[in-house]
Amino acid sequence: MELLTFLGLALVSYVGFKFFKALGKELPILDLMLLIAGLQWIVGPFFEYSSDFHNIKYYMYVPQSVYMGYIVPAYAVFVACVILLKRNFKVYAPDILDFKKYSEYGVTILFIGVAFDLLGFVAPGAFGFLVFLMSGFKFVGAIILFFSDSRIHRYIFYGSVVFLIYVSLRKALFHDFILWSTFFYMFWAIKNRPSAKLKLATIIGGFATLTIIQAVKADYRMMLSEGFEGSVVDVFFGTVSQKYEAGFFEDEEETSYLNVRLNQGWIISAIMDHVPRNREFAKGKTIKEAIAASLMPRFLNPNKKEAGGQENFREYTGLDLSDSTSMGLSIIGEFYANFGVAFGVLLMGIWGMCLAMIWRRLISHTYKIPLLIFFLPLIFLQVVKAETELVVVLNHLVKSIIVVTLFFWLTRRYLKWQIFAVFGR
């Protein structure tokens, strides 16, 4: 094992331990972001470099020393900037445990989310992102209800979890299920303060569930596309049963494909192989486009940069991608595509500082508006994803902060909500 690879794995292990330790004591959203990034940018590529089997397309396009020579320093700077600048700005357990007095607001927030879910079927495309963002309120409201003393409120919370599972199975899309389940777990841990053994057991169970989903997802989607009898739950578990009988990990190709789902490094390595050998550095082009897209709503700028990543993927990896498939360069890959190794590392540090400062600002506002605590997962929903491009992350981050701010202003002015500090710090 090369030294940089070892250091990268050690750093990811440290981040994982820090996240594990924080569970039940605080709300470690940025720690989750760092852990996901480390798993997809370092751990996944490590397994791929160590494997004897390589997929015809999803393989590492540059040598390990070249890849880790950029990724490990960039990730290390990113981690250092986030951890150092966000310290002492945390959401602590006592703050949330006193939140049950806001449970009635949770009901309203949840039904706002449900209403926008239904509105999504008729809303014009230009308002699609706003509808998507507002529909996330149902999960915010559900989490608030989880802390209520009312049994009915808690039933609504568990109903929301069941609804999330059903929608994921119906659409065969599991991103929202995985992320919101993780956020739910963070709040569950804060309320129940599980022991280290219980945290470890639940995390192992979560990884096992994620592995099963990834293993059966392709076959499950094929079953849905071909038509099926019975419920989606029966189809899903029937697919799991078939995979189990065939052996989840007996086929080396199947095991390698599972790692492809974890490994964002194959895309980053393709960028490093293609730029600047076949395509010049973008020199800030995609970064400027992302900033412009985040500041201008689509109905005012119909030609703004589209999410999905197809255009940038084709241009900066040199690989083909169908219009129906979404693949992002990832922020760390995008920074390389713009400026190369040295400035890519520097930009990861700047990006880490920006996220930490936004986090600090939001946490400082929770001192006056405790309700904001429960909107943090919604605000950082796209930020925690390691595979997402800057245009998606910035657009979601900026617009979600604006929408949440406007929501608080409207509810205080017209609904007379008492959203200002109920408990002191």
Protein backbone atom coordinates (compact mmCIF):
# COMPACT_ATOMS: atom_id res chain seq x y z
CA MET A 1 0.00 0.00 0.00
CA GLU A 2 1.33 3.42 -0.94
CA LEU A 3 1.95 5.98 1.82
CA LEU A 4 -0.63 8.50 0.59
CA THR A 5 -3.27 5.78 0.31
CA PHE A 6 -2.52 4.68 3.88
CA LEU A 7 -2.74 8.28 5.13
CA GLY A 8 -6.03 8.75 3.27
CA LEU A 9 -7.55 5.62 4.79
CA ALA A 10 -6.35 6.69 8.23
CA LEU A 11 -7.95 10.11 7.79
CA VAL A 12 -11.26 8.57 6.71
CA SER A 13 -11.12 6.29 9.76
CA TYR A 14 -10.59 9.33 12.00
CA VAL A 15 -13.57 11.10 10.41
CA GLY A 16 -15.67 7.96 10.86
CA PHE A 17 -14.71 7.71 14.53
CA LYS A 18 -15.52 11.39 15.05
CA PHE A 19 -18.94 10.93 13.44
CA PHE A 20 -19.59 7.82 15.55
CA LYS A 21 -18.63 9.61 18.76
CA ALA A 22 -20.85 12.61 17.95
CA LEU A 23 -23.99 10.52 17.43
CA GLY A 24 -26.37 10.99 20.34
CA LYS A 25 -24.57 14.09 21.59
CA GLU A 26 -24.96 16.53 18.71
CA LEU A 27 -26.16 16.80 15.11
CA PRO A 28 -23.10 15.77 13.05
CA ILE A 29 -24.30 16.76 9.56
CA LEU A 30 -20.96 18.12 8.37
CA ASP A 31 -19.17 15.10 9.85
CA LEU A 32 -21.51 12.92 7.77
CA MET A 33 -20.56 14.95 4.69
CA LEU A 34 -16.85 14.37 5.36
CA LEU A 35 -17.39 10.65 5.98
CA ILE A 36 -19.39 10.11 2.78
CA ALA A 37 -16.74 12.00 0.80
CA GLY A 38 -13.94 9.93 2.29
CA LEU A 39 -15.74 6.66 1.55
CA GLN A 40 -16.45 7.59 -2.06
CA TRP A 41 -13.23 9.40 -2.90
CA ILE A 42 -10.68 7.25 -1.02
CA VAL A 43 -12.07 3.96 0.33
CA GLY A 44 -13.96 3.00 -2.85
CA PRO A 45 -10.95 3.74 -5.10
CA PHE A 46 -8.68 1.80 -2.72
CA PHE A 47 -10.84 -1.31 -3.14
CA GLU A 48 -10.84 -0.83 -6.92
CA TYR A 49 -7.05 -0.50 -7.08
CA SER A 50 -6.75 -3.62 -4.87
CA SER A 51 -9.14 -5.73 -6.96
CA ASP A 52 -8.05 -8.10 -9.71
CA PHE A 53 -11.33 -7.61 -11.58
CA HIS A 54 -11.97 -4.31 -13.39
CA ASN A 55 -15.19 -3.26 -15.09
CA ILE A 56 -14.85 -2.34 -18.77
CA LYS A 57 -15.95 1.26 -18.03
CA TYR A 58 -16.03 1.83 -14.26
CA TYR A 59 -12.33 1.46 -13.49
CA MET A 60 -9.55 3.79 -12.31
CA TYR A 61 -8.17 5.59 -15.35
CA VAL A 62 -4.90 6.82 -13.78
CA PRO A 63 -2.30 5.07 -11.57
CA GLN A 64 -2.91 4.98 -7.84
CA SER A 65 0.00 7.32 -7.10
CA VAL A 66 -1.38 9.96 -9.48
CA TYR A 67 -4.94 9.71 -8.16
CA MET A 68 -4.09 9.68 -4.46
CA GLY A 69 -1.48 12.39 -5.06
CA TYR A 70 -4.35 14.80 -5.67
CA ILE A 71 -7.27 13.35 -3.72
CA VAL A 72 -5.62 12.74 -0.34
CA PRO A 73 -4.11 16.25 0.06
CA ALA A 74 -7.34 17.85 -1.22
CA TYR A 75 -9.48 15.76 1.14
CA ALA A 76 -7.13 16.43 4.07
CA VAL A 77 -7.34 20.21 3.54
CA PHE A 78 -11.11 19.96 3.17
CA VAL A 79 -11.45 17.99 6.42
CA ALA A 80 -9.11 20.29 8.35
CA CYS A 81 -10.92 23.47 7.29
CA VAL A 82 -14.38 22.10 8.09
CA ILE A 83 -13.47 20.61 11.47
CA LEU A 84 -11.37 23.51 12.72
CA LEU A 85 -13.78 26.26 11.67
CA LYS A 86 -17.02 24.62 12.80
CA ARG A 87 -15.84 23.63 16.28
CA ASN A 88 -17.83 25.13 19.13
CA PHE A 89 -20.75 25.62 16.73
CA LYS A 90 -22.79 22.49 17.34
CA VAL A 91 -26.38 21.43 17.91
CA TYR A 92 -26.33 19.78 21.32
CA ALA A 93 -28.77 17.18 22.61
CA PRO A 94 -30.35 19.29 25.42
CA ASP A 95 -31.40 21.91 22.86
CA ILE A 96 -33.50 19.41 20.90
CA LEU A 97 -34.85 17.44 23.84
CA ASP A 98 -36.62 20.61 24.99
CA PHE A 99 -38.24 21.02 21.59
CA LYS A 100 -41.46 19.09 22.28
CA LYS A 101 -43.26 22.36 23.00
CA TYR A 102 -43.10 23.10 19.24
CA SER A 103 -44.79 19.87 18.19
CA GLU A 104 -47.99 21.61 16.99
CA TYR A 105 -45.87 23.53 14.49
CA GLY A 106 -44.55 20.19 13.29
CA VAL A 107 -48.02 19.14 12.16
CA THR A 108 -48.39 22.27 10.02
CA ILE A 109 -44.89 21.92 8.54
CA LEU A 110 -45.54 18.28 7.69
CA PHE A 111 -48.81 19.03 5.88
CA ILE A 112 -47.17 21.87 3.95
CA GLY A 113 -44.69 19.29 2.67
CA VAL A 114 -47.47 16.86 1.73
CA ALA A 115 -49.36 19.64 -0.08
CA PHE A 116 -46.32 20.49 -2.18
CA ASP A 117 -45.80 16.79 -2.88
CA LEU A 118 -49.23 16.73 -4.48
CA LEU A 119 -48.61 20.07 -6.19
CA GLY A 120 -45.59 18.53 -7.90
CA PHE A 121 -47.90 16.73 -10.35
CA VAL A 122 -49.24 20.01 -11.80
CA ALA A 123 -46.57 22.65 -11.06
CA PRO A 124 -44.77 24.18 -14.10
CA GLY A 125 -41.23 22.96 -14.66
CA ALA A 126 -39.78 26.38 -13.83
CA PHE A 127 -41.00 25.91 -10.25
CA GLY A 128 -39.89 22.31 -9.99
CA PHE A 129 -37.03 23.00 -7.60
CA LEU A 130 -39.20 25.10 -5.28
CA VAL A 131 -41.78 22.32 -5.16
CA PHE A 132 -39.04 19.75 -4.49
CA LEU A 133 -37.64 21.88 -1.68
CA MET A 134 -41.01 22.56 -0.07
CA SER A 135 -42.00 18.90 -0.30
CA GLY A 136 -39.05 18.18 1.99
CA PHE A 137 -40.92 20.03 4.74
CA LYS A 138 -42.88 16.84 5.40
CA PHE A 139 -39.74 15.20 6.76
CA VAL A 140 -38.80 18.28 8.78
CA GLY A 141 -42.26 18.26 10.36
CA ALA A 142 -42.08 14.51 10.99
CA ILE A 143 -38.80 14.85 12.89
CA ILE A 144 -40.28 17.59 15.09
CA LEU A 145 -43.23 15.31 15.88
CA PHE A 146 -40.83 12.56 16.93
CA PHE A 147 -40.01 14.65 20.01
CA SER A 148 -43.65 15.26 20.91
CA ASP A 149 -45.24 13.83 24.06
CA SER A 150 -48.35 13.05 22.00
CA ARG A 151 -48.69 9.44 20.87
CA ILE A 152 -50.58 10.57 17.76
CA HIS A 153 -47.69 12.83 16.78
CA ARG A 154 -45.24 9.99 17.10
CA TYR A 155 -47.51 7.78 14.97
CA ILE A 156 -47.42 10.49 12.31
CA PHE A 157 -43.62 10.40 12.48
CA TYR A 158 -43.49 6.63 11.97
CA GLY A 159 -46.07 6.96 9.22
CA SER A 160 -43.75 9.41 7.47
CA VAL A 161 -40.94 6.86 7.64
CA VAL A 162 -43.20 4.20 6.11
CA PHE A 163 -44.26 6.69 3.43
CA LEU A 164 -40.62 7.42 2.60
CA ILE A 165 -39.90 3.70 2.23
CA TYR A 166 -42.97 3.17 0.04
CA VAL A 167 -42.18 6.10 -2.28
CA SER A 168 -38.59 4.88 -2.64
CA LEU A 169 -39.81 1.41 -3.60
CA ARG A 170 -42.46 2.78 -5.94
CA LYS A 171 -40.00 5.00 -7.82
CA ALA A 172 -37.04 2.60 -7.41
CA LEU A 173 -35.03 5.64 -6.28
CA PHE A 174 -33.30 5.25 -2.94
CA HIS A 175 -31.21 8.41 -2.54
CA ASP A 176 -33.83 10.26 -0.49
CA PHE A 177 -34.54 7.17 1.56
CA ILE A 178 -30.87 6.71 2.46
CA LEU A 179 -30.22 10.36 3.31
CA TRP A 180 -33.41 11.08 5.23
CA SER A 181 -33.12 7.77 7.09
CA THR A 182 -29.64 8.86 8.18
CA PHE A 183 -30.97 12.24 9.33
CA PHE A 184 -33.82 10.52 11.18
CA TYR A 185 -31.26 8.29 12.86
CA MET A 186 -29.25 11.30 14.04
CA PHE A 187 -32.31 12.74 15.78
CA TRP A 188 -33.30 9.33 17.13
CA ALA A 189 -29.83 9.00 18.65
CA ILE A 190 -30.13 12.43 20.26
CA LYS A 191 -33.44 11.49 21.87
CA ASN A 192 -32.49 7.97 22.97
CA ARG A 193 -28.75 8.44 23.72
CA PRO A 194 -27.80 4.89 22.65
CA SER A 195 -24.74 3.13 24.03
CA ALA A 196 -21.64 2.67 21.90
CA LYS A 197 -22.60 -0.99 21.32
CA LEU A 198 -26.09 -0.07 20.16
CA LYS A 199 -24.75 2.66 17.87
CA LEU A 200 -22.29 0.21 16.36
CA ALA A 201 -25.01 -2.42 15.87
CA THR A 202 -27.38 0.05 14.19
CA ILE A 203 -24.63 1.41 11.91
CA ILE A 204 -23.63 -2.10 10.86
CA GLY A 205 -27.29 -2.86 10.20
CA GLY A 206 -27.55 0.33 8.16
CA PHE A 207 -24.52 -0.59 6.04
CA ALA A 208 -25.93 -4.09 5.51
CA THR A 209 -29.26 -2.61 4.37
CA LEU A 210 -27.46 -0.19 2.03
CA THR A 211 -25.43 -3.06 0.57
CA ILE A 212 -28.57 -5.11 -0.06
CA ILE A 213 -30.26 -2.15 -1.77
CA GLN A 214 -27.27 -1.59 -4.02
CA ALA A 215 -27.04 -5.31 -4.82
CA VAL A 216 -30.67 -5.68 -5.90
CA LYS A 217 -31.42 -2.20 -7.26
CA ALA A 218 -30.71 -2.95 -10.94
CA ASP A 219 -32.74 -6.20 -10.93
CA TYR A 220 -35.56 -4.55 -9.00
CA ARG A 221 -35.82 -1.69 -11.49
CA MET A 222 -35.92 -4.22 -14.33
CA MET A 223 -38.79 -6.04 -12.61
CA LEU A 224 -40.75 -2.81 -12.30
CA SER A 225 -40.14 -1.86 -15.93
CA GLU A 226 -41.36 -5.25 -17.16
CA GLY A 227 -44.57 -5.09 -15.16
CA PHE A 228 -45.34 -7.00 -11.98
CA GLU A 229 -48.15 -8.49 -9.94
CA GLY A 230 -48.72 -7.68 -6.30
CA SER A 231 -47.21 -4.88 -4.24
CA VAL A 232 -43.84 -3.21 -4.72
CA VAL A 233 -42.90 -4.51 -1.27
CA ASP A 234 -43.44 -8.12 -2.43
CA VAL A 235 -41.45 -7.46 -5.61
CA PHE A 236 -38.56 -5.90 -3.69
CA PHE A 237 -38.27 -8.65 -1.11
CA GLY A 238 -38.75 -11.26 -3.82
CA THR A 239 -35.76 -9.75 -5.63
CA VAL A 240 -33.74 -9.79 -2.39
CA SER A 241 -34.66 -13.44 -1.87
CA GLN A 242 -33.54 -14.36 -5.39
CA LYS A 243 -30.24 -12.56 -4.91
CA TYR A 244 -29.69 -14.27 -1.58
CA GLU A 245 -30.30 -17.71 -3.05
CA ALA A 246 -27.88 -16.94 -5.89
CA GLY A 247 -25.30 -15.62 -3.43
CA PHE A 248 -24.73 -11.89 -3.01
CA PHE A 249 -20.95 -12.00 -3.18
CA GLU A 250 -20.11 -15.28 -4.92
CA ASP A 251 -19.59 -13.60 -8.30
CA GLU A 252 -16.44 -11.44 -8.44
CA GLU A 253 -18.01 -9.28 -11.15
CA GLU A 254 -21.07 -8.71 -8.95
CA THR A 255 -18.88 -7.72 -6.01
CA SER A 256 -16.91 -5.33 -8.19
CA TYR A 257 -20.14 -3.74 -9.39
CA LEU A 258 -21.16 -3.12 -5.77
CA ASN A 259 -17.97 -1.16 -5.22
CA VAL A 260 -18.72 0.92 -8.31
CA ARG A 261 -21.69 2.33 -6.38
CA LEU A 262 -19.36 3.40 -3.58
CA ASN A 263 -16.48 4.47 -5.78
CA GLN A 264 -16.79 8.02 -7.09
CA GLY A 265 -13.06 7.86 -7.87
CA TRP A 266 -13.49 6.27 -11.29
CA ILE A 267 -15.15 9.47 -12.54
CA ILE A 268 -12.52 11.69 -10.91
CA SER A 269 -9.74 9.54 -12.37
CA ALA A 270 -11.36 9.77 -15.81
CA ILE A 271 -11.25 13.56 -15.47
CA MET A 272 -7.57 13.41 -14.48
CA ASP A 273 -6.86 11.19 -17.48
CA HIS A 274 -8.75 13.39 -19.94
CA VAL A 275 -7.78 16.88 -18.65
CA PRO A 276 -5.51 18.45 -19.79
CA ARG A 277 -4.32 15.68 -22.14
CA ASN A 278 -7.35 15.89 -24.44
CA ARG A 279 -9.19 18.90 -23.13
CA GLU A 280 -7.87 22.15 -21.61
CA PHE A 281 -8.58 23.11 -18.02
CA ALA A 282 -11.93 24.90 -17.68
CA LYS A 283 -10.25 27.83 -15.85
CA GLY A 284 -13.25 28.58 -13.66
CA LYS A 285 -15.97 28.14 -16.30
CA THR A 286 -18.11 25.62 -14.40
CA ILE A 287 -17.61 27.50 -11.11
CA LYS A 288 -18.91 30.75 -12.63
CA GLU A 289 -21.87 28.88 -14.11
CA ALA A 290 -22.66 27.35 -10.71
CA ILE A 291 -22.56 30.71 -8.93
CA ALA A 292 -24.76 32.32 -11.58
CA ALA A 293 -27.27 29.46 -11.44
CA SER A 294 -27.54 29.66 -7.65
CA LEU A 295 -28.34 33.38 -7.71
CA MET A 296 -30.95 33.41 -10.50
CA PRO A 297 -34.25 31.47 -10.42
CA ARG A 298 -35.09 29.46 -13.55
CA PHE A 299 -38.22 31.43 -14.46
CA LEU A 300 -35.98 34.52 -14.80
CA ASN A 301 -33.24 32.62 -16.60
CA PRO A 302 -34.67 29.71 -18.66
CA ASN A 303 -31.21 28.95 -20.09
CA LYS A 304 -29.49 28.50 -16.73
CA LYS A 305 -27.26 25.48 -16.18
CA GLU A 306 -29.23 22.24 -15.91
CA ALA A 307 -28.75 19.73 -13.10
CA GLY A 308 -27.89 16.14 -14.03
CA GLY A 309 -24.27 16.61 -15.01
CA GLN A 310 -24.46 15.08 -18.50
CA GLU A 311 -22.86 18.03 -20.29
CA ASN A 312 -19.93 18.43 -17.91
CA PHE A 313 -19.47 14.66 -17.64
CA ARG A 314 -19.06 14.22 -21.39
CA GLU A 315 -16.84 17.28 -21.74
CA TYR A 316 -14.41 16.64 -18.90
CA THR A 317 -14.22 12.83 -18.78
CA GLY A 318 -14.35 12.18 -22.53
CA LEU A 319 -16.84 9.38 -21.86
CA ASP A 320 -20.30 8.96 -23.33
CA LEU A 321 -23.41 9.31 -21.18
CA SER A 322 -27.06 9.03 -22.12
CA ASP A 323 -29.38 11.97 -21.51
CA SER A 324 -31.44 9.86 -19.12
CA THR A 325 -28.49 9.12 -16.83
CA SER A 326 -27.29 11.59 -14.18
CA MET A 327 -23.64 11.56 -13.18
CA GLY A 328 -21.80 14.41 -11.50
CA LEU A 329 -18.12 15.22 -11.61
CA SER A 330 -18.15 15.77 -7.81
CA ILE A 331 -16.84 19.04 -6.43
CA ILE A 332 -13.31 17.69 -5.94
CA GLY A 333 -13.29 16.41 -9.55
CA GLU A 334 -14.76 19.66 -10.83
CA PHE A 335 -12.08 21.73 -9.10
CA TYR A 336 -9.40 19.61 -10.79
CA ALA A 337 -11.13 20.00 -14.16
CA ASN A 338 -10.95 23.76 -13.73
CA PHE A 339 -7.44 24.32 -12.38
CA GLY A 340 -5.50 21.09 -11.85
CA VAL A 341 -3.88 19.62 -8.73
CA ALA A 342 -2.43 22.58 -6.81
CA PHE A 343 -5.37 24.93 -7.20
CA GLY A 344 -7.77 22.02 -6.81
CA VAL A 345 -6.36 21.38 -3.32
CA LEU A 346 -6.56 25.10 -2.53
CA LEU A 347 -10.17 25.33 -3.71
CA MET A 348 -11.17 22.35 -1.57
CA GLY A 349 -9.83 24.25 1.41
CA ILE A 350 -11.78 27.37 0.43
CA TRP A 351 -14.92 25.28 -0.12
CA GLY A 352 -14.48 23.69 3.32
CA MET A 353 -14.11 27.13 4.90
CA CYS A 354 -17.24 28.41 3.11
CA LEU A 355 -19.33 25.46 4.32
CA ALA A 356 -18.01 25.81 7.88
CA MET A 357 -18.78 29.53 7.92
CA ILE A 358 -22.31 28.93 6.60
CA TRP A 359 -22.77 26.29 9.30
CA ARG A 360 -21.51 28.68 11.99
CA ARG A 361 -23.89 31.37 10.78
CA LEU A 362 -26.87 29.04 10.78
CA ILE A 363 -26.05 27.65 14.22
CA SER A 364 -25.72 31.19 15.61
CA HIS A 365 -29.27 31.86 14.33
CA THR A 366 -30.60 28.78 16.15
CA TYR A 367 -29.80 30.61 19.40
CA LYS A 368 -32.72 32.91 18.55
CA ILE A 369 -34.77 30.58 16.35
CA PRO A 370 -34.51 27.01 17.71
CA LEU A 371 -36.94 25.75 15.06
CA LEU A 372 -34.15 26.24 12.50
CA ILE A 373 -32.36 23.20 13.97
CA PHE A 374 -34.81 20.86 12.28
CA PHE A 375 -34.39 22.52 8.90
CA LEU A 376 -30.63 21.92 8.83
CA PRO A 377 -30.95 18.47 7.16
CA LEU A 378 -33.08 20.01 4.41
CA ILE A 379 -30.61 22.86 3.88
CA PHE A 380 -27.63 20.49 3.67
CA LEU A 381 -29.44 17.71 1.77
CA GLN A 382 -27.36 18.13 -1.40
CA VAL A 383 -24.22 19.31 0.40
CA VAL A 384 -23.61 15.94 2.06
CA LYS A 385 -23.56 14.10 -1.27
CA ALA A 386 -20.00 13.48 -2.45
CA GLU A 387 -20.94 12.89 -6.09
CA THR A 388 -22.85 16.13 -6.63
CA GLU A 389 -21.57 18.97 -8.80
CA LEU A 390 -21.10 22.52 -7.58
CA VAL A 391 -24.08 23.85 -9.55
CA VAL A 392 -26.45 21.48 -7.72
CA VAL A 393 -24.93 22.03 -4.29
CA LEU A 394 -24.81 25.84 -4.50
CA ASN A 395 -28.27 26.08 -6.02
CA HIS A 396 -29.79 23.96 -3.28
CA LEU A 397 -27.83 25.59 -0.45
CA VAL A 398 -28.60 29.19 -1.44
CA LYS A 399 -32.24 28.63 -2.42
CA SER A 400 -33.05 26.51 0.64
CA ILE A 401 -31.70 29.17 3.00
CA ILE A 402 -33.80 31.80 1.23
CA VAL A 403 -36.94 29.63 1.34
CA VAL A 404 -36.51 28.73 5.02
CA THR A 405 -35.86 32.38 5.93
CA LEU A 406 -38.99 33.45 4.06
CA PHE A 407 -40.98 30.66 5.73
CA PHE A 408 -40.01 31.87 9.20
CA TRP A 409 -40.90 35.45 8.31
CA LEU A 410 -44.32 34.45 6.95
CA THR A 411 -45.24 32.18 9.86
CA ARG A 412 -44.24 34.77 12.43
CA ARG A 413 -46.05 37.61 10.66
CA TYR A 414 -49.26 35.90 9.55
CA LEU A 415 -49.60 32.77 11.70
CA LYS A 416 -48.21 34.49 14.81
CA TRP A 417 -45.85 31.60 15.55
CA GLN A 418 -43.63 32.12 18.57
CA ILE A 419 -40.46 31.00 16.81
CA PHE A 420 -37.97 32.94 18.87
CA ALA A 421 -35.89 31.37 21.60
CA VAL A 422 -37.83 29.23 24.04
CA PHE A 423 -34.74 27.97 25.81
CA GLY A 424 -31.49 29.68 26.58
CA ARG A 425 -27.93 28.56 25.96
